[in-house]
Amino acid sequence: MTNQDSKYYTSAFKQKVIQEVLSGQRSATDARRHYGIGGKMTVKEWLLKHKASETHILEQDKKAATNHLMKEETKSNETLLAELEALKRLLDVERKR
């Protein structure tokens, strides 16, 4: 739970409490009381940090997906341009006949 009489809680303990609150097993206030967590806002601050972290991860995933789509679109555009150039050359050859 805590690191030897210090006021710091381990990451694993924080995650356990956060998951219990997010799953509806306990309210933030109930979790604080059940585990003897000091500070009325401590659990709520953990929840805010957790949500901010999740939001950041989702934003990174969204950026990565957008970048991937843009790369695919660029490849597709390059392929179309190459095909267009090939068709132009074929048209020139046919016109010269």
PDB file of N, CA and C in Angstrom:
ATOM      1  N   MET A   1       0.821  -1.183   0.000  1.00  0.00           N
ATOM      2  CA  MET A   1       0.000   0.000   0.000  1.00  0.00           C
ATOM      3  C   MET A   1       0.869   1.252   0.000  1.00  0.00           C
ATOM      4  N   THR A   2       1.617   1.476   1.087  1.00  0.00           N
ATOM      5  CA  THR A   2       2.492   2.641   1.127  1.00  0.00           C
ATOM      6  C   THR A   2       3.919   2.166   1.264  1.00  0.00           C
ATOM      7  N   ASN A   3       4.824   3.078   1.038  1.00  0.00           N
ATOM      8  CA  ASN A   3       6.242   2.762   1.160  1.00  0.00           C
ATOM      9  C   ASN A   3       6.713   3.043   2.584  1.00  0.00           C
ATOM     10  N   GLN A   4       6.690   2.051   3.441  1.00  0.00           N
ATOM     11  CA  GLN A   4       7.242   2.104   4.799  1.00  0.00           C
ATOM     12  C   GLN A   4       7.005   3.430   5.525  1.00  0.00           C
ATOM     13  N   ASP A   5       5.830   3.647   6.022  1.00  0.00           N
ATOM     14  CA  ASP A   5       5.480   4.810   6.839  1.00  0.00           C
ATOM     15  C   ASP A   5       5.616   6.151   6.131  1.00  0.00           C
ATOM     16  N   SER A   6       5.896   6.167   4.851  1.00  0.00           N
ATOM     17  CA  SER A   6       5.941   7.449   4.147  1.00  0.00           C
ATOM     18  C   SER A   6       4.533   7.794   3.701  1.00  0.00           C
ATOM     19  N   LYS A   7       4.355   8.981   3.186  1.00  0.00           N
ATOM     20  CA  LYS A   7       3.033   9.407   2.745  1.00  0.00           C
ATOM     21  C   LYS A   7       2.854   9.186   1.250  1.00  0.00           C
ATOM     22  N   TYR A   8       3.704   8.387   0.657  1.00  0.00           N
ATOM     23  CA  TYR A   8       3.620   8.111  -0.771  1.00  0.00           C
ATOM     24  C   TYR A   8       3.040   6.721  -0.996  1.00  0.00           C
ATOM     25  N   TYR A   9       2.183   6.617  -1.981  1.00  0.00           N
ATOM     26  CA  TYR A   9       1.541   5.357  -2.311  1.00  0.00           C
ATOM     27  C   TYR A   9       2.172   4.793  -3.578  1.00  0.00           C
ATOM     28  N   THR A  10       2.286   3.484  -3.644  1.00  0.00           N
ATOM     29  CA  THR A  10       2.885   2.858  -4.821  1.00  0.00           C
ATOM     30  C   THR A  10       1.944   3.001  -6.018  1.00  0.00           C
ATOM     31  N   SER A  11       2.517   2.913  -7.189  1.00  0.00           N
ATOM     32  CA  SER A  11       1.722   2.982  -8.423  1.00  0.00           C
ATOM     33  C   SER A  11       0.714   1.844  -8.479  1.00  0.00           C
ATOM     34  N   ALA A  12       1.138   0.667  -8.055  1.00  0.00           N
ATOM     35  CA  ALA A  12       0.238  -0.495  -8.074  1.00  0.00           C
ATOM     36  C   ALA A  12      -0.964  -0.259  -7.163  1.00  0.00           C
ATOM     37  N   PHE A  13      -0.714   0.309  -5.995  1.00  0.00           N
ATOM     38  CA  PHE A  13      -1.803   0.591  -5.067  1.00  0.00           C
ATOM     39  C   PHE A  13      -2.758   1.630  -5.661  1.00  0.00           C
ATOM     40  N   LYS A  14      -2.192   2.686  -6.237  1.00  0.00           N
ATOM     41  CA  LYS A  14      -3.034   3.725  -6.854  1.00  0.00           C
ATOM     42  C   LYS A  14      -3.893   3.123  -7.955  1.00  0.00           C
ATOM     43  N   GLN A  15      -3.300   2.257  -8.792  1.00  0.00           N
ATOM     44  CA  GLN A  15      -4.043   1.627  -9.883  1.00  0.00           C
ATOM     45  C   GLN A  15      -5.177   0.749  -9.341  1.00  0.00           C
ATOM     46  N   LYS A  16      -4.906   0.044  -8.250  1.00  0.00           N
ATOM     47  CA  LYS A  16      -5.932  -0.798  -7.634  1.00  0.00           C
ATOM     48  C   LYS A  16      -7.115   0.062  -7.194  1.00  0.00           C
ATOM     49  N   VAL A  17      -6.827   1.149  -6.512  1.00  0.00           N
ATOM     50  CA  VAL A  17      -7.881   2.039  -6.023  1.00  0.00           C
ATOM     51  C   VAL A  17      -8.634   2.658  -7.197  1.00  0.00           C
ATOM     52  N   ILE A  18      -7.901   3.127  -8.200  1.00  0.00           N
ATOM     53  CA  ILE A  18      -8.521   3.744  -9.379  1.00  0.00           C
ATOM     54  C   ILE A  18      -9.463   2.756 -10.054  1.00  0.00           C
ATOM     55  N   GLN A  19      -9.020   1.512 -10.235  1.00  0.00           N
ATOM     56  CA  GLN A  19      -9.854   0.510 -10.899  1.00  0.00           C
ATOM     57  C   GLN A  19     -11.109   0.192 -10.081  1.00  0.00           C
ATOM     58  N   GLU A  20     -10.961   0.163  -8.771  1.00  0.00           N
ATOM     59  CA  GLU A  20     -12.134  -0.092  -7.927  1.00  0.00           C
ATOM     60  C   GLU A  20     -13.157   1.039  -8.068  1.00  0.00           C
ATOM     61  N   VAL A  21     -12.671   2.265  -8.123  1.00  0.00           N
ATOM     62  CA  VAL A  21     -13.582   3.408  -8.258  1.00  0.00           C
ATOM     63  C   VAL A  21     -14.203   3.430  -9.651  1.00  0.00           C
ATOM     64  N   LEU A  22     -13.377   3.231 -10.685  1.00  0.00           N
ATOM     65  CA  LEU A  22     -13.893   3.276 -12.061  1.00  0.00           C
ATOM     66  C   LEU A  22     -14.872   2.142 -12.354  1.00  0.00           C
ATOM     67  N   SER A  23     -14.668   0.997 -11.705  1.00  0.00           N
ATOM     68  CA  SER A  23     -15.559  -0.142 -11.939  1.00  0.00           C
ATOM     69  C   SER A  23     -16.855  -0.036 -11.133  1.00  0.00           C
ATOM     70  N   GLY A  24     -16.900   0.938 -10.230  1.00  0.00           N
ATOM     71  CA  GLY A  24     -18.106   1.116  -9.432  1.00  0.00           C
ATOM     72  C   GLY A  24     -18.123   0.316  -8.144  1.00  0.00           C
ATOM     73  N   GLN A  25     -17.028  -0.382  -7.847  1.00  0.00           N
ATOM     74  CA  GLN A  25     -16.967  -1.151  -6.602  1.00  0.00           C
ATOM     75  C   GLN A  25     -17.023  -0.235  -5.380  1.00  0.00           C
ATOM     76  N   ARG A  26     -16.387   0.920  -5.504  1.00  0.00           N
ATOM     77  CA  ARG A  26     -16.332   1.878  -4.404  1.00  0.00           C
ATOM     78  C   ARG A  26     -16.430   3.289  -4.972  1.00  0.00           C
ATOM     79  N   SER A  27     -16.911   4.193  -4.140  1.00  0.00           N
ATOM     80  CA  SER A  27     -16.844   5.607  -4.504  1.00  0.00           C
ATOM     81  C   SER A  27     -15.450   6.095  -4.108  1.00  0.00           C
ATOM     82  N   ALA A  28     -15.059   7.253  -4.581  1.00  0.00           N
ATOM     83  CA  ALA A  28     -13.750   7.800  -4.215  1.00  0.00           C
ATOM     84  C   ALA A  28     -13.667   8.004  -2.706  1.00  0.00           C
ATOM     85  N   THR A  29     -14.735   8.492  -2.116  1.00  0.00           N
ATOM     86  CA  THR A  29     -14.761   8.720  -0.665  1.00  0.00           C
ATOM     87  C   THR A  29     -14.680   7.399   0.094  1.00  0.00           C
ATOM     88  N   ASP A  30     -15.420   6.395  -0.362  1.00  0.00           N
ATOM     89  CA  ASP A  30     -15.400   5.078   0.285  1.00  0.00           C
ATOM     90  C   ASP A  30     -14.011   4.456   0.181  1.00  0.00           C
ATOM     91  N   ALA A  31     -13.376   4.579  -0.978  1.00  0.00           N
ATOM     92  CA  ALA A  31     -12.030   4.015  -1.154  1.00  0.00           C
ATOM     93  C   ALA A  31     -11.040   4.702  -0.212  1.00  0.00           C
ATOM     94  N   ARG A  32     -11.155   6.014  -0.099  1.00  0.00           N
ATOM     95  CA  ARG A  32     -10.265   6.764   0.795  1.00  0.00           C
ATOM     96  C   ARG A  32     -10.417   6.273   2.231  1.00  0.00           C
ATOM     97  N   ARG A  33     -11.659   6.115   2.647  1.00  0.00           N
ATOM     98  CA  ARG A  33     -11.916   5.662   4.019  1.00  0.00           C
ATOM     99  C   ARG A  33     -11.496   4.202   4.221  1.00  0.00           C
ATOM    100  N   HIS A  34     -11.839   3.351   3.248  1.00  0.00           N
ATOM    101  CA  HIS A  34     -11.538   1.918   3.358  1.00  0.00           C
ATOM    102  C   HIS A  34     -10.035   1.666   3.485  1.00  0.00           C
ATOM    103  N   TYR A  35      -9.243   2.374   2.676  1.00  0.00           N
ATOM    104  CA  TYR A  35      -7.795   2.147   2.667  1.00  0.00           C
ATOM    105  C   TYR A  35      -7.024   3.113   3.572  1.00  0.00           C
ATOM    106  N   GLY A  36      -7.736   4.018   4.245  1.00  0.00           N
ATOM    107  CA  GLY A  36      -7.062   4.950   5.144  1.00  0.00           C
ATOM    108  C   GLY A  36      -6.172   5.938   4.420  1.00  0.00           C
ATOM    109  N   ILE A  37      -6.617   6.371   3.255  1.00  0.00           N
ATOM    110  CA  ILE A  37      -5.834   7.303   2.437  1.00  0.00           C
ATOM    111  C   ILE A  37      -6.041   8.714   2.982  1.00  0.00           C
ATOM    112  N   GLY A  38      -4.941   9.384   3.273  1.00  0.00           N
ATOM    113  CA  GLY A  38      -5.009  10.746   3.795  1.00  0.00           C
ATOM    114  C   GLY A  38      -5.383  11.735   2.707  1.00  0.00           C
ATOM    115  N   GLY A  39      -6.016  12.801   3.096  1.00  0.00           N
ATOM    116  CA  GLY A  39      -6.370  13.857   2.143  1.00  0.00           C
ATOM    117  C   GLY A  39      -7.682  13.572   1.446  1.00  0.00           C
ATOM    118  N   LYS A  40      -8.603  14.495   1.552  1.00  0.00           N
ATOM    119  CA  LYS A  40      -9.926  14.288   0.972  1.00  0.00           C
ATOM    120  C   LYS A  40      -9.899  14.252  -0.554  1.00  0.00           C
ATOM    121  N   MET A  41      -8.922  14.902  -1.170  1.00  0.00           N
ATOM    122  CA  MET A  41      -8.868  14.991  -2.631  1.00  0.00           C
ATOM    123  C   MET A  41      -7.882  14.009  -3.260  1.00  0.00           C
ATOM    124  N   THR A  42      -7.177  13.247  -2.465  1.00  0.00           N
ATOM    125  CA  THR A  42      -6.115  12.371  -2.987  1.00  0.00           C
ATOM    126  C   THR A  42      -6.629  11.413  -4.060  1.00  0.00           C
ATOM    127  N   VAL A  43      -7.661  10.662  -3.762  1.00  0.00           N
ATOM    128  CA  VAL A  43      -8.186   9.681  -4.731  1.00  0.00           C
ATOM    129  C   VAL A  43      -8.717  10.408  -5.960  1.00  0.00           C
ATOM    130  N   LYS A  44      -9.395  11.524  -5.758  1.00  0.00           N
ATOM    131  CA  LYS A  44      -9.930  12.284  -6.886  1.00  0.00           C
ATOM    132  C   LYS A  44      -8.800  12.808  -7.772  1.00  0.00           C
ATOM    133  N   GLU A  45      -7.691  13.213  -7.165  1.00  0.00           N
ATOM    134  CA  GLU A  45      -6.525  13.649  -7.944  1.00  0.00           C
ATOM    135  C   GLU A  45      -5.937  12.490  -8.738  1.00  0.00           C
ATOM    136  N   TRP A  46      -5.885  11.308  -8.134  1.00  0.00           N
ATOM    137  CA  TRP A  46      -5.405  10.124  -8.854  1.00  0.00           C
ATOM    138  C   TRP A  46      -6.291   9.851 -10.068  1.00  0.00           C
ATOM    139  N   LEU A  47      -7.609   9.981  -9.858  1.00  0.00           N
ATOM    140  CA  LEU A  47      -8.554   9.748 -10.957  1.00  0.00           C
ATOM    141  C   LEU A  47      -8.359  10.769 -12.076  1.00  0.00           C
ATOM    142  N   LEU A  48      -8.162  12.025 -11.711  1.00  0.00           N
ATOM    143  CA  LEU A  48      -7.942  13.065 -12.721  1.00  0.00           C
ATOM    144  C   LEU A  48      -6.672  12.794 -13.524  1.00  0.00           C
ATOM    145  N   LYS A  49      -5.605  12.415 -12.832  1.00  0.00           N
ATOM    146  CA  LYS A  49      -4.344  12.106 -13.519  1.00  0.00           C
ATOM    147  C   LYS A  49      -4.513  10.899 -14.435  1.00  0.00           C
ATOM    148  N   HIS A  50      -5.247   9.903 -13.960  1.00  0.00           N
ATOM    149  CA  HIS A  50      -5.494   8.697 -14.761  1.00  0.00           C
ATOM    150  C   HIS A  50      -6.260   9.049 -16.031  1.00  0.00           C
ATOM    151  N   LYS A  51      -7.312   9.842 -15.878  1.00  0.00           N
ATOM    152  CA  LYS A  51      -8.121  10.241 -17.035  1.00  0.00           C
ATOM    153  C   LYS A  51      -7.303  11.085 -18.004  1.00  0.00           C
ATOM    154  N   ALA A  52      -6.464  11.986 -17.473  1.00  0.00           N
ATOM    155  CA  ALA A  52      -5.611  12.805 -18.329  1.00  0.00           C
ATOM    156  C   ALA A  52      -4.627  11.928 -19.096  1.00  0.00           C
ATOM    157  N   SER A  53      -4.104  10.920 -18.432  1.00  0.00           N
ATOM    158  CA  SER A  53      -3.174   9.993 -19.080  1.00  0.00           C
ATOM    159  C   SER A  53      -3.873   9.221 -20.190  1.00  0.00           C
ATOM    160  N   GLU A  54      -5.095   8.736 -19.903  1.00  0.00           N
ATOM    161  CA  GLU A  54      -5.861   8.014 -20.922  1.00  0.00           C
ATOM    162  C   GLU A  54      -6.156   8.906 -22.116  1.00  0.00           C
ATOM    163  N   THR A  55      -6.525  10.154 -21.842  1.00  0.00           N
ATOM    164  CA  THR A  55      -6.825  11.105 -22.913  1.00  0.00           C
ATOM    165  C   THR A  55      -5.590  11.328 -23.768  1.00  0.00           C
ATOM    166  N   HIS A  56      -4.441  11.457 -23.126  1.00  0.00           N
ATOM    167  CA  HIS A  56      -3.189  11.663 -23.854  1.00  0.00           C
ATOM    168  C   HIS A  56      -2.883  10.461 -24.746  1.00  0.00           C
ATOM    169  N   ILE A  57      -3.088   9.269 -24.223  1.00  0.00           N
ATOM    170  CA  ILE A  57      -2.847   8.051 -25.000  1.00  0.00           C
ATOM    171  C   ILE A  57      -3.798   7.986 -26.189  1.00  0.00           C
ATOM    172  N   LEU A  58      -5.071   8.323 -25.969  1.00  0.00           N
ATOM    173  CA  LEU A  58      -6.044   8.317 -27.066  1.00  0.00           C
ATOM    174  C   LEU A  58      -5.666   9.330 -28.139  1.00  0.00           C
ATOM    175  N   GLU A  59      -5.190  10.493 -27.705  1.00  0.00           N
ATOM    176  CA  GLU A  59      -4.769  11.511 -28.673  1.00  0.00           C
ATOM    177  C   GLU A  59      -3.572  11.026 -29.479  1.00  0.00           C
ATOM    178  N   GLN A  60      -2.634  10.352 -28.816  1.00  0.00           N
ATOM    179  CA  GLN A  60      -1.473   9.808 -29.526  1.00  0.00           C
ATOM    180  C   GLN A  60      -1.905   8.750 -30.534  1.00  0.00           C
ATOM    181  N   ASP A  61      -2.847   7.885 -30.137  1.00  0.00           N
ATOM    182  CA  ASP A  61      -3.350   6.853 -31.041  1.00  0.00           C
ATOM    183  C   ASP A  61      -4.042   7.494 -32.244  1.00  0.00           C
ATOM    184  N   LYS A  62      -4.805   8.535 -31.991  1.00  0.00           N
ATOM    185  CA  LYS A  62      -5.511   9.228 -33.068  1.00  0.00           C
ATOM    186  C   LYS A  62      -4.516   9.867 -34.038  1.00  0.00           C
ATOM    187  N   LYS A  63      -3.470  10.487 -33.496  1.00  0.00           N
ATOM    188  CA  LYS A  63      -2.438  11.092 -34.347  1.00  0.00           C
ATOM    189  C   LYS A  63      -1.727  10.023 -35.170  1.00  0.00           C
ATOM    190  N   ALA A  64      -1.423   8.899 -34.557  1.00  0.00           N
ATOM    191  CA  ALA A  64      -0.743   7.817 -35.269  1.00  0.00           C
ATOM    192  C   ALA A  64      -1.630   7.281 -36.390  1.00  0.00           C
ATOM    193  N   ALA A  65      -2.917   7.120 -36.118  1.00  0.00           N
ATOM    194  CA  ALA A  65      -3.841   6.636 -37.147  1.00  0.00           C
ATOM    195  C   ALA A  65      -3.964   7.640 -38.281  1.00  0.00           C
ATOM    196  N   THR A  66      -4.037   8.922 -37.944  1.00  0.00           N
ATOM    197  CA  THR A  66      -4.116   9.972 -38.963  1.00  0.00           C
ATOM    198  C   THR A  66      -2.860   9.977 -39.813  1.00  0.00           C
ATOM    199  N   ASN A  67      -1.706   9.869 -39.174  1.00  0.00           N
ATOM    200  CA  ASN A  67      -0.436   9.828 -39.921  1.00  0.00           C
ATOM    201  C   ASN A  67      -0.392   8.628 -40.855  1.00  0.00           C
ATOM    202  N   HIS A  68      -0.859   7.491 -40.368  1.00  0.00           N
ATOM    203  CA  HIS A  68      -0.865   6.283 -41.196  1.00  0.00           C
ATOM    204  C   HIS A  68      -1.764   6.484 -42.418  1.00  0.00           C
ATOM    205  N   LEU A  69      -2.952   7.040 -42.189  1.00  0.00           N
ATOM    206  CA  LEU A  69      -3.876   7.286 -43.307  1.00  0.00           C
ATOM    207  C   LEU A  69      -3.293   8.275 -44.302  1.00  0.00           C
ATOM    208  N   MET A  70      -2.625   9.292 -43.784  1.00  0.00           N
ATOM    209  CA  MET A  70      -2.020  10.281 -44.674  1.00  0.00           C
ATOM    210  C   MET A  70      -0.912   9.648 -45.512  1.00  0.00           C
ATOM    211  N   LYS A  71      -0.121   8.764 -44.901  1.00  0.00           N
ATOM    212  CA  LYS A  71       0.935   8.076 -45.645  1.00  0.00           C
ATOM    213  C   LYS A  71       0.329   7.194 -46.730  1.00  0.00           C
ATOM    214  N   GLU A  72      -0.738   6.480 -46.377  1.00  0.00           N
ATOM    215  CA  GLU A  72      -1.409   5.628 -47.359  1.00  0.00           C
ATOM    216  C   GLU A  72      -1.987   6.469 -48.496  1.00  0.00           C
ATOM    217  N   GLU A  73      -2.564   7.614 -48.152  1.00  0.00           N
ATOM    218  CA  GLU A  73      -3.128   8.490 -49.169  1.00  0.00           C
ATOM    219  C   GLU A  73      -2.033   9.040 -50.070  1.00  0.00           C
ATOM    220  N   THR A  74      -0.901   9.373 -49.477  1.00  0.00           N
ATOM    221  CA  THR A  74       0.231   9.871 -50.256  1.00  0.00           C
ATOM    222  C   THR A  74       0.715   8.802 -51.224  1.00  0.00           C
ATOM    223  N   LYS A  75       0.814   7.558 -50.736  1.00  0.00           N
ATOM    224  CA  LYS A  75       1.225   6.453 -51.609  1.00  0.00           C
ATOM    225  C   LYS A  75       0.217   6.284 -52.742  1.00  0.00           C
ATOM    226  N   SER A  76      -1.048   6.361 -52.397  1.00  0.00           N
ATOM    227  CA  SER A  76      -2.094   6.218 -53.405  1.00  0.00           C
ATOM    228  C   SER A  76      -1.999   7.331 -54.440  1.00  0.00           C
ATOM    229  N   ASN A  77      -1.788   8.547 -53.977  1.00  0.00           N
ATOM    230  CA  ASN A  77      -1.637   9.682 -54.899  1.00  0.00           C
ATOM    231  C   ASN A  77      -0.413   9.508 -55.792  1.00  0.00           C
ATOM    232  N   GLU A  78       0.673   9.050 -55.210  1.00  0.00           N
ATOM    233  CA  GLU A  78       1.893   8.829 -55.991  1.00  0.00           C
ATOM    234  C   GLU A  78       1.662   7.760 -57.057  1.00  0.00           C
ATOM    235  N   THR A  79       0.954   6.709 -56.693  1.00  0.00           N
ATOM    236  CA  THR A  79       0.633   5.645 -57.643  1.00  0.00           C
ATOM    237  C   THR A  79      -0.224   6.190 -58.781  1.00  0.00           C
ATOM    238  N   LEU A  80      -1.230   6.988 -58.426  1.00  0.00           N
ATOM    239  CA  LEU A  80      -2.096   7.579 -59.461  1.00  0.00           C
ATOM    240  C   LEU A  80      -1.319   8.516 -60.379  1.00  0.00           C
ATOM    241  N   LEU A  81      -0.425   9.298 -59.813  1.00  0.00           N
ATOM    242  CA  LEU A  81       0.386  10.196 -60.640  1.00  0.00           C
ATOM    243  C   LEU A  81       1.304   9.408 -61.576  1.00  0.00           C
ATOM    244  N   ALA A  82       1.866   8.326 -61.062  1.00  0.00           N
ATOM    245  CA  ALA A  82       2.726   7.486 -61.898  1.00  0.00           C
ATOM    246  C   ALA A  82       1.913   6.868 -63.035  1.00  0.00           C
ATOM    247  N   GLU A  83       0.702   6.400 -62.726  1.00  0.00           N
ATOM    248  CA  GLU A  83      -0.167   5.832 -63.761  1.00  0.00           C
ATOM    249  C   GLU A  83      -0.552   6.894 -64.787  1.00  0.00           C
ATOM    250  N   LEU A  84      -0.832   8.099 -64.332  1.00  0.00           N
ATOM    251  CA  LEU A  84      -1.176   9.196 -65.230  1.00  0.00           C
ATOM    252  C   LEU A  84      -0.023   9.502 -66.181  1.00  0.00           C
ATOM    253  N   GLU A  85       1.180   9.549 -65.655  1.00  0.00           N
ATOM    254  CA  GLU A  85       2.350   9.805 -66.496  1.00  0.00           C
ATOM    255  C   GLU A  85       2.542   8.693 -67.522  1.00  0.00           C
ATOM    256  N   ALA A  86       2.339   7.452 -67.105  1.00  0.00           N
ATOM    257  CA  ALA A  86       2.476   6.328 -68.027  1.00  0.00           C
ATOM    258  C   ALA A  86       1.425   6.432 -69.133  1.00  0.00           C
ATOM    259  N   LEU A  87       0.199   6.796 -68.777  1.00  0.00           N
ATOM    260  CA  LEU A  87      -0.864   6.952 -69.776  1.00  0.00           C
ATOM    261  C   LEU A  87      -0.578   8.106 -70.730  1.00  0.00           C
ATOM    262  N   LYS A  88      -0.013   9.172 -70.214  1.00  0.00           N
ATOM    263  CA  LYS A  88       0.353  10.303 -71.076  1.00  0.00           C
ATOM    264  C   LYS A  88       1.405   9.870 -72.094  1.00  0.00           C
ATOM    265  N   ARG A  89       2.388   9.100 -71.638  1.00  0.00           N
ATOM    266  CA  ARG A  89       3.429   8.618 -72.564  1.00  0.00           C
ATOM    267  C   ARG A  89       2.813   7.713 -73.625  1.00  0.00           C
ATOM    268  N   LEU A  90       1.900   6.820 -73.211  1.00  0.00           N
ATOM    269  CA  LEU A  90       1.225   5.939 -74.174  1.00  0.00           C
ATOM    270  C   LEU A  90       0.394   6.752 -75.182  1.00  0.00           C
ATOM    271  N   LEU A  91      -0.269   7.771 -74.695  1.00  0.00           N
ATOM    272  CA  LEU A  91      -1.061   8.635 -75.576  1.00  0.00           C
ATOM    273  C   LEU A  91      -0.159   9.334 -76.575  1.00  0.00           C
ATOM    274  N   ASP A  92       0.991   9.819 -76.108  1.00  0.00           N
ATOM    275  CA  ASP A  92       1.946  10.466 -77.026  1.00  0.00           C
ATOM    276  C   ASP A  92       2.418   9.493 -78.097  1.00  0.00           C
ATOM    277  N   VAL A  93       2.696   8.249 -77.661  1.00  0.00           N
ATOM    278  CA  VAL A  93       3.140   7.235 -78.629  1.00  0.00           C
ATOM    279  C   VAL A  93       2.045   6.996 -79.650  1.00  0.00           C
ATOM    280  N   GLU A  94       0.812   6.881 -79.238  1.00  0.00           N
ATOM    281  CA  GLU A  94      -0.312   6.630 -80.151  1.00  0.00           C
ATOM    282  C   GLU A  94      -0.532   7.818 -81.097  1.00  0.00           C
ATOM    283  N   ARG A  95      -0.364   9.004 -80.586  1.00  0.00           N
ATOM    284  CA  ARG A  95      -0.541  10.206 -81.419  1.00  0.00           C
ATOM    285  C   ARG A  95       0.516  10.270 -82.505  1.00  0.00           C
ATOM    286  N   LYS A  96       1.715   9.795 -82.205  1.00  0.00           N
ATOM    287  CA  LYS A  96       2.813   9.857 -83.171  1.00  0.00           C
ATOM    288  C   LYS A  96       2.661   8.799 -84.250  1.00  0.00           C
ATOM    289  N   ARG A  97       1.841   7.798 -84.074  1.00  0.00           N
ATOM    290  CA  ARG A  97       1.651   6.745 -85.070  1.00  0.00           C
ATOM    291  C   ARG A  97       0.879   7.257 -86.215  1.00  0.00           C
TER     292      ARG A  97
END
